[in-house]
Amino acid sequence: MNTISMLARVGLCSGLALALAGCMSSTPVYDKHFGEAVHTVRVMQTLNPNASMNSDPVSGVDGRAATSAMDRYNTQYRAPQSDASAFTVGVSSGNSLDSMGK
């Protein structure tokens, strides 16, 4: 009998808590300023806001050379060079004095 009354109390309290949570008002102060931090950081990271109005050609690498360089760069990660001595770090094949000529 004691367990049933305890479960009834817990159920009543949780139902009351859910009902009160549903009646809570929203946060108008936070909602009014929502997104200001993202906008501020984005504006701070913009080097030149009027860059789209500049019609001068870009100085630097032409398109073909840049594409070729990026293709070569990307192929390095598709087929990386294998290192044959990866497991022999710190292991010498002989006397270190012989290799120095002494």
Protein backbone atom coordinates (compact mmCIF):
# COMPACT_ATOMS: atom_id res chain seq x y z
CA MET A 1 0.00 0.00 0.00
CA ASN A 2 2.86 2.34 0.82
CA THR A 3 4.49 1.69 -2.58
CA ILE A 4 1.29 2.50 -4.45
CA SER A 5 0.82 5.81 -2.65
CA MET A 6 4.47 6.68 -3.28
CA LEU A 7 4.07 5.96 -7.01
CA ALA A 8 0.90 8.05 -7.06
CA ARG A 9 2.73 10.98 -5.48
CA VAL A 10 5.61 10.69 -7.95
CA GLY A 11 3.18 10.52 -10.87
CA LEU A 12 1.22 13.51 -9.60
CA CYS A 13 4.37 15.58 -9.06
CA SER A 14 5.78 14.73 -12.48
CA GLY A 15 2.45 15.53 -14.15
CA LEU A 16 2.29 18.85 -12.32
CA ALA A 17 5.88 19.64 -13.35
CA LEU A 18 5.08 18.89 -17.00
CA ALA A 19 1.95 21.05 -16.87
CA LEU A 20 3.87 23.96 -15.37
CA ALA A 21 6.66 23.58 -17.92
CA GLY A 22 4.10 23.84 -20.72
CA CYS A 23 2.74 27.08 -19.30
CA MET A 24 6.13 28.76 -19.04
CA SER A 25 6.60 31.88 -21.09
CA SER A 26 9.29 32.02 -23.73
CA THR A 27 12.43 34.05 -23.28
CA PRO A 28 11.78 37.29 -25.17
CA VAL A 29 15.08 38.88 -24.18
CA TYR A 30 17.11 35.94 -25.52
CA ASP A 31 14.94 35.58 -28.62
CA LYS A 32 15.35 39.26 -29.47
CA HIS A 33 19.15 38.91 -29.55
CA PHE A 34 19.25 35.47 -31.20
CA GLY A 35 22.00 35.25 -33.83
CA GLU A 36 23.81 38.46 -32.90
CA ALA A 37 26.95 36.61 -31.81
CA VAL A 38 27.21 34.73 -35.11
CA HIS A 39 26.64 37.91 -37.10
CA THR A 40 29.24 39.83 -35.07
CA VAL A 41 31.89 37.14 -35.48
CA ARG A 42 31.21 36.84 -39.22
CA VAL A 43 31.59 40.60 -39.66
CA MET A 44 34.82 40.57 -37.62
CA GLN A 45 36.28 37.85 -39.86
CA THR A 46 35.52 39.68 -43.13
CA LEU A 47 38.71 41.27 -44.41
CA ASN A 48 37.19 43.50 -47.09
CA PRO A 49 33.39 43.85 -47.14
CA ASN A 50 33.51 45.62 -50.53
CA ALA A 51 35.63 42.96 -52.25
CA SER A 52 32.84 42.02 -54.67
CA MET A 53 32.88 45.54 -56.12
CA ASN A 54 36.54 45.24 -57.20
CA SER A 55 36.67 44.30 -60.90
CA ASP A 56 40.49 44.08 -61.17
CA PRO A 57 41.80 40.65 -62.16
CA VAL A 58 43.27 38.57 -59.41
CA SER A 59 47.05 38.55 -59.38
CA GLY A 60 48.66 35.20 -58.78
CA VAL A 61 48.45 31.76 -60.31
CA ASP A 62 46.34 31.25 -63.43
CA GLY A 63 43.51 28.73 -63.43
CA ARG A 64 45.28 25.90 -65.26
CA ALA A 65 48.35 26.01 -63.03
CA ALA A 66 46.21 26.18 -59.88
CA THR A 67 44.11 23.21 -61.02
CA SER A 68 47.23 21.20 -61.82
CA ALA A 69 48.77 22.04 -58.46
CA MET A 70 45.62 21.02 -56.59
CA ASP A 71 45.38 17.76 -58.56
CA ARG A 72 48.99 16.90 -57.67
CA TYR A 73 48.31 17.82 -54.04
CA ASN A 74 45.22 15.60 -53.88
CA THR A 75 46.97 12.59 -55.46
CA GLN A 76 49.49 12.58 -52.61
CA TYR A 77 46.72 11.43 -50.28
CA ARG A 78 45.21 8.88 -52.63
CA ALA A 79 48.45 6.91 -52.97
CA PRO A 80 50.85 7.98 -50.21
CA GLN A 81 54.50 7.04 -50.50
CA SER A 82 55.36 3.92 -48.55
CA ASP A 83 58.19 4.17 -46.08
CA ALA A 84 60.19 0.92 -46.09
CA SER A 85 61.99 1.76 -42.86
CA ALA A 86 58.93 2.67 -40.81
CA PHE A 87 59.47 -0.19 -38.35
CA THR A 88 63.23 0.17 -37.99
CA VAL A 89 63.39 3.47 -36.15
CA GLY A 90 66.46 3.57 -33.94
CA VAL A 91 67.80 0.20 -35.11
CA SER A 92 71.18 0.33 -36.79
CA SER A 93 72.56 -2.26 -39.17
CA GLY A 94 76.09 -2.22 -37.82
CA ASN A 95 78.63 -0.42 -35.74
CA SER A 96 78.13 3.34 -35.76
CA LEU A 97 81.90 3.90 -35.70
CA ASP A 98 82.28 1.96 -38.96
CA SER A 99 79.79 4.21 -40.70
CA MET A 100 81.72 7.31 -39.59
CA GLY A 101 84.97 6.00 -41.02
CA LYS A 102 86.76 5.56 -37.67
